[in-house]
Amino acid sequence: TQWYIGPIPDQFYVSEWDTIITPDTLVNTTDVSVIRSPYDECVAYYAAHIAKYQEQSYAEADKFLEIYTQKMKYARRVVMMRMLPTAYGA
């Protein structure tokens, strides 16, 4: 990934960037998903939730959604712990 800032700054500036990585669209059956760990473990539970909801097994769908939510919360905590604290206290 490349980033361009223009015009060229006359001094160093501090910046904070919030970014997101979106996986490429899967076109062929041989394409490999690039959802990174720890988020890749959550996908199966959400897919199971959608499948159970569509077959009208609402209790089971809710259970899979609950497990998905728990796994996502855990994944976010793991990722947030890797972030460096800011010197500015924000």
Protein backbone atom coordinates (compact mmCIF):
# COMPACT_ATOMS: atom_id res chain seq x y z
CA THR A 1 0.00 0.00 0.00
CA GLN A 2 1.24 3.45 -0.84
CA TRP A 3 0.14 6.79 0.57
CA TYR A 4 0.72 10.17 -0.97
CA ILE A 5 0.37 13.48 0.86
CA GLY A 6 0.43 16.70 -1.05
CA PRO A 7 1.65 19.28 -1.09
CA ILE A 8 4.89 18.16 0.50
CA PRO A 9 4.90 19.31 4.16
CA ASP A 10 7.46 21.90 5.18
CA GLN A 11 8.08 20.15 8.53
CA PHE A 12 7.27 16.91 10.35
CA TYR A 13 3.65 16.54 11.44
CA VAL A 14 2.19 13.97 13.81
CA SER A 15 -0.76 12.08 12.41
CA GLU A 16 -3.01 9.29 13.54
CA TRP A 17 -4.61 6.97 11.02
CA ASP A 18 -7.54 4.65 11.55
CA THR A 19 -7.41 2.02 8.86
CA ILE A 20 -9.30 -1.10 7.92
CA ILE A 21 -8.27 -4.07 5.85
CA THR A 22 -10.98 -5.54 3.65
CA PRO A 23 -10.42 -8.92 2.03
CA ASP A 24 -10.46 -9.31 -1.72
CA THR A 25 -13.64 -10.59 -3.32
CA LEU A 26 -13.61 -14.37 -3.71
CA VAL A 27 -14.27 -15.01 -7.40
CA ASN A 28 -13.08 -18.55 -8.07
CA THR A 29 -13.54 -21.67 -5.98
CA THR A 30 -9.76 -21.86 -5.61
CA ASP A 31 -9.44 -18.35 -4.12
CA VAL A 32 -8.14 -18.20 -0.58
CA SER A 33 -9.67 -15.85 1.99
CA VAL A 34 -7.27 -13.41 3.59
CA ILE A 35 -9.17 -12.72 6.81
CA ARG A 36 -6.41 -12.63 9.38
CA SER A 37 -6.25 -14.23 12.79
CA PRO A 38 -7.93 -13.86 15.29
CA TYR A 39 -10.95 -12.73 13.23
CA ASP A 40 -10.90 -15.78 10.95
CA GLU A 41 -12.21 -17.98 13.76
CA CYS A 42 -15.39 -15.89 14.06
CA VAL A 43 -16.59 -16.35 10.48
CA ALA A 44 -17.87 -19.90 10.92
CA TYR A 45 -20.12 -18.94 13.83
CA TYR A 46 -21.70 -16.06 11.93
CA ALA A 47 -22.24 -18.29 8.89
CA ALA A 48 -23.88 -20.89 11.14
CA HIS A 49 -26.09 -18.15 12.61
CA ILE A 50 -27.28 -17.10 9.15
CA ALA A 51 -27.90 -20.71 8.08
CA LYS A 52 -29.90 -21.56 11.21
CA TYR A 53 -31.88 -18.33 10.94
CA GLN A 54 -32.80 -19.08 7.34
CA GLU A 55 -34.03 -22.54 8.28
CA GLN A 56 -36.08 -20.88 11.06
CA SER A 57 -34.20 -22.54 13.92
CA TYR A 58 -34.20 -19.29 15.84
CA ALA A 59 -32.98 -20.63 19.20
CA GLU A 60 -29.95 -22.25 17.58
CA ALA A 61 -29.36 -19.14 15.45
CA ASP A 62 -29.32 -17.01 18.60
CA LYS A 63 -26.82 -19.37 20.23
CA PHE A 64 -24.44 -19.15 17.26
CA LEU A 65 -24.79 -15.36 17.25
CA GLU A 66 -23.95 -15.29 20.95
CA ILE A 67 -20.83 -17.41 20.39
CA TYR A 68 -19.86 -15.18 17.44
CA THR A 69 -20.24 -12.06 19.59
CA GLN A 70 -18.10 -13.56 22.35
CA LYS A 71 -15.37 -14.55 19.89
CA MET A 72 -15.39 -11.09 18.27
CA LYS A 73 -15.07 -9.39 21.66
CA TYR A 74 -12.12 -11.65 22.47
CA ALA A 75 -10.51 -10.96 19.08
CA ARG A 76 -10.86 -7.21 19.58
CA ARG A 77 -9.30 -7.43 23.06
CA VAL A 78 -6.36 -9.40 21.68
CA VAL A 79 -5.79 -6.88 18.89
CA MET A 80 -6.19 -3.86 21.18
CA MET A 81 -3.59 -5.24 23.59
CA ARG A 82 -1.04 -5.12 20.78
CA MET A 83 -1.54 -1.39 20.24
CA LEU A 84 1.12 0.92 21.61
CA PRO A 85 -0.08 3.46 24.15
CA THR A 86 -0.02 7.06 23.03
CA ALA A 87 2.22 9.57 24.75
CA TYR A 88 -0.56 12.16 24.65
CA GLY A 89 -3.00 10.34 26.92
CA ALA A 90 -5.82 10.23 24.38
